[in-house]
Amino acid sequence: AVKERQEIELAAQRATLQEQRTHIDILDTALTNAQANVVRLEEECRKKQVHVERVAQLQRALQALQLASDRREQTERKLRLQLENELRNERARNHSSQDTLNTGESGESVPELKRRLREKDEKIMRLEGEVAKWEQRYLEESELRQAAIDAASIPKDAKIAALEKTSQESEKLIAEARSDKLRQMDEVHAAQKKVTDLEAKMKELESKLAEKDAMIRVLQKKHTYDKEVSSSYPSISLSHHTPHPSLNTSNLNNVLNSQDLGQVSTTSVFSTASSGFSYSGSVDSSYHKYSPHKSLDDQLKELDSQLLSKDSLIQALRREKEKYPSHYWRV
């Protein structure tokens, strides 16, 4: 029973699925038809728009023709009134002259009047024809002028749009150039600041190197003197030897154990060295004369390497002092 119920449900679901697919197909067909109708309606709308524009042009032409026709009717009305006035004047003159003229003369004046009347009518017809011709020519010229103006306005609009686009592009390029110029100026200022910092650092390292070089020279001479003293008096002990009042072990340790050699001024070192060993106080020029072709980075690297060598030598001297604490250095 459960299986049969499941089969019934499955069949119902299949039927529902089939109905949904059929409905989807119908909707797809309706959508396709609607899209086709939209395309067709758009095409018809474009055609109708063209017809509307043509109708507008024809209406403008019709209005111009109506205005021309009105002007022609007014001209004809004026001419007709003028001719009627002239005819009435002629008739009045004829009536006034009939009393004075004889019958022969009156018989001769009527054909003359008829002839003059025909001439006037012919003149009126000729003038009306000329007016119509000139109005037609005016309408044709006005249509041609309007068409030329429309045709000329299209390239002008395109040219104006191109000029606007070109002006926008030029403004954009100007803005980019200004931003690049500002960025380059910032980079130049940063480079100048970096060069200034490197020069200050180089000067500081040169001063430290000079101090350490002076200290090393003093220590080397003290070490040499200490070796000479130790070789001359190997059996003298610390208790039987009176230290020199100007330098004892504590003072030496204070000098050697100082962690910051930059605190020892070059003037004090030079004065100490000159009192003990006649040190001239000049620093070797090889540490301060650098090639002008070398960059600041190369010079700083050389100064760092020289400082490292000087530090290693000072450490060696300190270790030797710790190894032989009984030796006295004379200053």
Protein backbone atom coordinates (compact mmCIF):
# COMPACT_ATOMS: atom_id res chain seq x y z
CA ALA A 1 0.00 0.00 0.00
CA VAL A 2 2.86 2.36 0.85
CA LYS A 3 4.52 1.55 -2.45
CA GLU A 4 1.34 2.18 -4.37
CA ARG A 5 0.84 5.47 -2.57
CA GLN A 6 4.43 6.47 -3.37
CA GLU A 7 3.90 5.53 -7.01
CA ILE A 8 0.74 7.64 -7.09
CA GLU A 9 2.56 10.59 -5.53
CA LEU A 10 5.45 10.15 -7.96
CA ALA A 11 3.05 10.09 -10.89
CA ALA A 12 1.34 13.21 -9.56
CA GLN A 13 4.68 14.95 -9.17
CA ARG A 14 5.63 13.94 -12.69
CA ALA A 15 2.39 15.33 -14.01
CA THR A 16 2.90 18.52 -12.05
CA LEU A 17 6.45 18.79 -13.40
CA GLN A 18 5.20 18.26 -16.93
CA GLU A 19 2.58 20.95 -16.43
CA GLN A 20 5.21 23.33 -15.07
CA ARG A 21 7.45 22.65 -18.07
CA THR A 22 4.54 23.25 -20.40
CA HIS A 23 3.77 26.48 -18.55
CA ILE A 24 7.43 27.51 -18.81
CA ASP A 25 7.38 26.82 -22.55
CA ILE A 26 4.25 28.90 -22.90
CA LEU A 27 5.83 31.74 -20.93
CA ASP A 28 8.98 31.54 -23.07
CA THR A 29 6.88 31.70 -26.20
CA ALA A 30 4.92 34.64 -24.80
CA LEU A 31 8.17 36.39 -23.86
CA THR A 32 9.58 35.84 -27.34
CA ASN A 33 6.41 37.17 -28.90
CA ALA A 34 6.44 40.17 -26.55
CA GLN A 35 10.05 40.92 -27.45
CA ALA A 36 9.21 40.65 -31.13
CA ASN A 37 6.23 42.94 -30.60
CA VAL A 38 8.44 45.41 -28.74
CA VAL A 39 10.96 45.42 -31.61
CA ARG A 40 8.16 45.83 -34.13
CA LEU A 41 6.58 48.62 -32.11
CA GLU A 42 9.93 50.38 -31.78
CA GLU A 43 10.39 50.18 -35.54
CA GLU A 44 6.87 51.50 -36.07
CA CYS A 45 7.56 54.23 -33.52
CA ARG A 46 10.66 55.28 -35.43
CA LYS A 47 8.70 55.30 -38.68
CA LYS A 48 5.91 57.28 -37.07
CA GLN A 49 8.45 59.68 -35.66
CA VAL A 50 9.81 60.20 -39.15
CA HIS A 51 6.25 60.73 -40.40
CA VAL A 52 5.61 63.16 -37.56
CA GLU A 53 8.69 65.14 -38.47
CA ARG A 54 7.64 65.15 -42.12
CA VAL A 55 4.16 66.26 -41.12
CA ALA A 56 5.63 69.04 -39.03
CA GLN A 57 7.66 70.18 -42.02
CA LEU A 58 4.59 70.03 -44.25
CA GLN A 59 2.61 71.97 -41.68
CA ARG A 60 5.27 74.65 -41.63
CA ALA A 61 5.24 74.75 -45.42
CA LEU A 62 1.44 74.91 -45.38
CA GLN A 63 1.50 77.78 -42.94
CA ALA A 64 3.96 79.59 -45.18
CA LEU A 65 1.71 78.95 -48.20
CA GLN A 66 -1.32 80.16 -46.26
CA LEU A 67 0.51 83.32 -45.31
CA ALA A 68 1.53 83.82 -48.95
CA SER A 69 -2.03 83.16 -50.08
CA ASP A 70 -3.37 85.63 -47.54
CA ARG A 71 -0.90 88.23 -48.70
CA ARG A 72 -1.84 87.58 -52.33
CA GLU A 73 -5.55 87.86 -51.53
CA GLN A 74 -4.92 91.14 -49.76
CA THR A 75 -2.96 92.40 -52.74
CA GLU A 76 -5.71 91.31 -55.12
CA ARG A 77 -8.33 92.91 -52.93
CA LYS A 78 -6.40 96.17 -52.93
CA LEU A 79 -5.95 96.04 -56.69
CA ARG A 80 -9.63 95.23 -57.19
CA LEU A 81 -10.69 98.12 -54.97
CA GLN A 82 -8.34 100.42 -56.82
CA LEU A 83 -9.67 99.32 -60.20
CA GLU A 84 -13.25 99.60 -59.03
CA ASN A 85 -12.55 103.14 -57.83
CA GLU A 86 -10.99 103.98 -61.17
CA LEU A 87 -13.96 102.45 -62.99
CA ARG A 88 -16.41 104.45 -60.94
CA ASN A 89 -14.42 107.59 -61.63
CA GLU A 90 -14.42 106.85 -65.32
CA ARG A 91 -18.15 106.23 -65.31
CA ALA A 92 -18.71 109.46 -63.44
CA ARG A 93 -16.62 111.31 -65.97
CA ASN A 94 -18.49 109.64 -68.78
CA HIS A 95 -21.85 110.64 -67.31
CA SER A 96 -20.67 114.21 -66.89
CA SER A 97 -19.32 114.35 -70.41
CA GLN A 98 -22.43 112.89 -72.06
CA ASP A 99 -24.29 116.12 -71.50
CA THR A 100 -21.71 118.18 -73.35
CA LEU A 101 -20.76 115.77 -76.13
CA ASN A 102 -22.86 114.98 -79.17
CA THR A 103 -24.12 111.56 -80.11
CA GLY A 104 -21.13 110.80 -82.43
CA GLU A 105 -18.64 111.67 -79.81
CA SER A 106 -20.56 109.72 -77.19
CA GLY A 107 -20.56 106.68 -79.52
CA GLU A 108 -16.79 106.89 -79.85
CA SER A 109 -16.11 107.15 -76.06
CA VAL A 110 -17.78 103.83 -75.09
CA PRO A 111 -15.43 101.59 -77.13
CA GLU A 112 -12.49 103.53 -75.74
CA LEU A 113 -13.64 102.85 -72.21
CA LYS A 114 -14.13 99.17 -72.96
CA ARG A 115 -10.67 98.99 -74.43
CA ARG A 116 -9.17 100.64 -71.38
CA LEU A 117 -11.11 98.29 -69.14
CA ARG A 118 -9.75 95.28 -70.97
CA GLU A 119 -6.23 96.64 -70.67
CA LYS A 120 -6.68 97.09 -66.94
CA ASP A 121 -8.00 93.55 -66.58
CA GLU A 122 -5.06 92.18 -68.54
CA LYS A 123 -2.67 94.21 -66.40
CA ILE A 124 -4.32 92.86 -63.24
CA MET A 125 -4.04 89.26 -64.47
CA ARG A 126 -0.39 89.78 -65.41
CA LEU A 127 0.41 91.28 -62.06
CA GLU A 128 -1.35 88.43 -60.24
CA GLY A 129 0.68 85.92 -62.24
CA GLU A 130 3.91 87.71 -61.35
CA VAL A 131 2.93 87.83 -57.68
CA ALA A 132 2.18 84.09 -57.67
CA LYS A 133 5.47 83.35 -59.43
CA TRP A 134 7.47 85.46 -56.99
CA GLU A 135 5.70 83.88 -54.00
CA GLN A 136 6.46 80.39 -55.30
CA ARG A 137 10.08 81.35 -55.83
CA TYR A 138 10.23 82.80 -52.32
CA LEU A 139 8.84 79.60 -50.81
CA GLU A 140 11.33 77.47 -52.72
CA GLU A 141 14.24 79.65 -51.64
CA SER A 142 13.07 79.65 -48.04
CA GLU A 143 12.83 75.83 -48.05
CA LEU A 144 16.30 75.56 -49.59
CA ARG A 145 17.68 78.01 -47.03
CA GLN A 146 16.10 76.10 -44.14
CA ALA A 147 17.50 72.80 -45.47
CA ALA A 148 20.95 74.37 -45.78
CA ILE A 149 20.73 75.73 -42.24
CA ASP A 150 19.70 72.31 -40.90
CA ALA A 151 22.50 70.60 -42.82
CA ALA A 152 25.04 73.14 -41.57
CA SER A 153 23.87 72.92 -37.96
CA ILE A 154 24.62 69.19 -37.76
CA PRO A 155 28.41 69.48 -38.38
CA LYS A 156 28.49 72.57 -36.20
CA ASP A 157 26.93 70.63 -33.33
CA ALA A 158 29.40 67.81 -33.90
CA LYS A 159 32.26 70.30 -34.01
CA ILE A 160 31.07 71.94 -30.80
CA ALA A 161 30.85 68.54 -29.11
CA ALA A 162 34.36 67.65 -30.34
CA LEU A 163 35.69 70.98 -29.05
CA GLU A 164 34.05 70.42 -25.67
CA LYS A 165 35.53 66.94 -25.49
CA THR A 166 38.96 68.26 -26.48
CA SER A 167 38.75 71.00 -23.85
CA GLN A 168 37.81 68.46 -21.18
CA GLU A 169 40.73 66.23 -22.20
CA SER A 170 43.13 69.19 -22.14
CA GLU A 171 41.89 70.19 -18.67
CA LYS A 172 42.38 66.61 -17.51
CA LEU A 173 45.94 66.57 -18.90
CA ILE A 174 46.68 69.90 -17.20
CA ALA A 175 45.39 68.55 -13.87
CA GLU A 176 47.53 65.40 -14.26
CA ALA A 177 50.59 67.49 -15.09
CA ARG A 178 50.02 69.65 -12.02
CA SER A 179 49.66 66.60 -9.79
CA ASP A 180 52.84 65.09 -11.27
CA LYS A 181 54.69 68.36 -10.70
CA LEU A 182 53.55 68.50 -7.06
CA ARG A 183 54.53 64.87 -6.54
CA GLN A 184 57.97 65.45 -8.07
CA MET A 185 58.46 68.53 -5.88
CA ASP A 186 57.57 66.45 -2.82
CA GLU A 187 60.05 63.79 -3.91
CA VAL A 188 62.75 66.44 -4.40
CA HIS A 189 62.09 67.88 -0.93
CA ALA A 190 62.21 64.38 0.57
CA ALA A 191 65.50 63.63 -1.24
CA GLN A 192 66.99 66.92 -0.06
CA LYS A 193 65.94 66.15 3.50
CA LYS A 194 67.44 62.67 3.25
CA VAL A 195 70.72 64.09 1.89
CA THR A 196 70.80 66.60 4.76
CA ASP A 197 70.21 63.83 7.31
CA LEU A 198 72.92 61.67 5.73
CA GLU A 199 75.40 64.56 5.77
CA ALA A 200 74.65 65.23 9.45
CA LYS A 201 75.04 61.54 10.22
CA MET A 202 78.33 61.43 8.31
CA LYS A 203 79.65 64.43 10.23
CA GLU A 204 78.63 62.81 13.51
CA LEU A 205 80.34 59.56 12.55
CA GLU A 206 83.46 61.45 11.50
CA SER A 207 83.58 63.17 14.89
CA LYS A 208 83.09 59.84 16.69
CA LEU A 209 85.75 58.26 14.50
CA ALA A 210 88.18 61.04 15.31
CA GLU A 211 87.57 60.62 19.05
CA LYS A 212 87.95 56.86 18.87
CA ASP A 213 91.06 57.17 16.72
CA ALA A 214 92.59 59.51 19.29
CA MET A 215 91.63 57.14 22.10
CA ILE A 216 93.15 54.18 20.24
CA ARG A 217 96.39 56.00 19.68
CA VAL A 218 96.57 56.86 23.37
CA LEU A 219 95.78 53.28 24.36
CA GLN A 220 98.30 51.87 21.90
CA LYS A 221 101.05 54.04 23.32
CA LYS A 222 99.99 53.15 26.87
CA HIS A 223 100.01 49.49 25.92
CA THR A 224 103.48 49.79 24.45
CA TYR A 225 104.73 51.53 27.54
CA ASP A 226 103.08 48.89 29.75
CA LYS A 227 104.83 46.11 27.87
CA GLU A 228 108.15 47.87 28.27
CA VAL A 229 107.55 48.31 32.00
CA SER A 230 106.44 44.68 32.46
CA SER A 231 109.49 43.39 30.60
CA SER A 232 111.82 45.60 32.64
CA TYR A 233 110.27 44.86 36.08
CA PRO A 234 108.54 41.46 35.98
CA SER A 235 108.86 40.81 39.72
CA ILE A 236 107.38 44.02 40.99
CA SER A 237 103.99 43.49 42.63
CA LEU A 238 101.09 45.82 43.05
CA SER A 239 101.63 46.28 46.86
CA HIS A 240 105.24 47.47 46.56
CA HIS A 241 104.74 49.85 43.72
CA THR A 242 103.43 53.35 44.27
CA PRO A 243 101.08 54.33 41.43
CA HIS A 244 101.52 57.53 39.61
CA PRO A 245 99.22 60.19 41.09
CA SER A 246 97.93 61.21 37.70
CA LEU A 247 96.65 57.70 36.74
CA ASN A 248 95.63 54.77 38.89
CA THR A 249 93.70 51.56 38.25
CA SER A 250 90.33 53.04 38.98
CA ASN A 251 90.96 55.93 36.58
CA LEU A 252 92.08 53.51 33.88
CA ASN A 253 89.10 51.30 34.46
CA ASN A 254 86.88 54.36 34.24
CA VAL A 255 88.47 55.22 30.93
CA LEU A 256 88.40 51.68 29.51
CA ASN A 257 85.04 50.59 30.84
CA SER A 258 83.10 53.58 29.51
CA GLN A 259 80.44 52.23 27.17
CA ASP A 260 79.88 55.48 25.31
CA LEU A 261 83.15 56.70 23.81
CA GLY A 262 81.35 59.68 22.36
CA GLN A 263 81.25 61.20 25.86
CA VAL A 264 85.08 61.44 25.95
CA SER A 265 85.95 64.77 24.35
CA THR A 266 88.75 64.94 21.80
CA THR A 267 90.31 67.90 23.62
CA SER A 268 90.73 65.98 26.90
CA VAL A 269 92.23 62.98 25.13
CA PHE A 270 94.62 65.20 23.20
CA SER A 271 95.73 67.02 26.42
CA THR A 272 96.33 63.72 28.24
CA ALA A 273 98.30 62.30 25.34
CA SER A 274 100.40 65.44 24.96
CA SER A 275 101.32 65.45 28.69
CA GLY A 276 102.54 61.83 28.63
CA PHE A 277 103.81 61.15 25.12
CA SER A 278 103.98 64.56 23.37
CA TYR A 279 100.98 63.67 21.16
CA SER A 280 100.47 66.34 18.55
CA GLY A 281 96.66 66.28 18.68
CA SER A 282 96.14 65.80 14.95
CA VAL A 283 93.89 63.07 13.58
CA ASP A 284 94.97 60.95 10.66
CA SER A 285 93.75 62.55 7.46
CA SER A 286 93.01 59.19 5.88
CA TYR A 287 89.83 58.91 7.97
CA HIS A 288 88.54 62.32 6.88
CA LYS A 289 89.61 62.62 3.25
CA TYR A 290 87.16 60.68 1.14
CA SER A 291 87.00 60.51 -2.59
CA PRO A 292 84.55 63.09 -4.02
CA HIS A 293 83.34 60.47 -6.49
CA LYS A 294 81.98 58.23 -3.68
CA SER A 295 78.41 58.56 -2.60
CA LEU A 296 77.31 59.32 0.93
CA ASP A 297 76.19 55.71 1.45
CA ASP A 298 79.66 54.38 0.54
CA GLN A 299 81.32 56.88 2.84
CA LEU A 300 78.95 55.94 5.68
CA LYS A 301 79.73 52.24 5.09
CA GLU A 302 83.46 52.95 5.27
CA LEU A 303 82.97 54.93 8.48
CA ASP A 304 80.94 52.08 9.99
CA SER A 305 83.63 49.54 9.06
CA GLN A 306 86.35 51.74 10.57
CA LEU A 307 84.30 52.20 13.74
CA LEU A 308 83.87 48.43 14.01
CA SER A 309 87.63 47.89 13.65
CA LYS A 310 88.31 50.54 16.29
CA ASP A 311 85.76 48.98 18.64
CA SER A 312 87.34 45.55 18.20
CA LEU A 313 90.76 47.01 19.00
CA ILE A 314 89.43 48.74 22.11
CA GLN A 315 87.83 45.48 23.25
CA ALA A 316 91.14 43.68 22.76
CA LEU A 317 92.92 46.29 24.85
CA ARG A 318 90.29 45.96 27.56
CA ARG A 319 90.68 42.19 27.63
CA GLU A 320 94.44 42.57 27.94
CA LYS A 321 93.93 45.03 30.80
CA GLU A 322 91.69 42.53 32.56
CA LYS A 323 94.29 39.83 31.98
CA TYR A 324 97.12 41.94 33.41
CA PRO A 325 95.51 44.13 36.09
CA SER A 326 98.86 44.70 37.89
CA HIS A 327 100.34 46.71 35.04
CA TYR A 328 100.42 50.50 35.38
CA TRP A 329 100.10 52.83 32.46
CA ARG A 330 101.83 56.16 32.75
CA VAL A 331 100.30 59.26 31.22
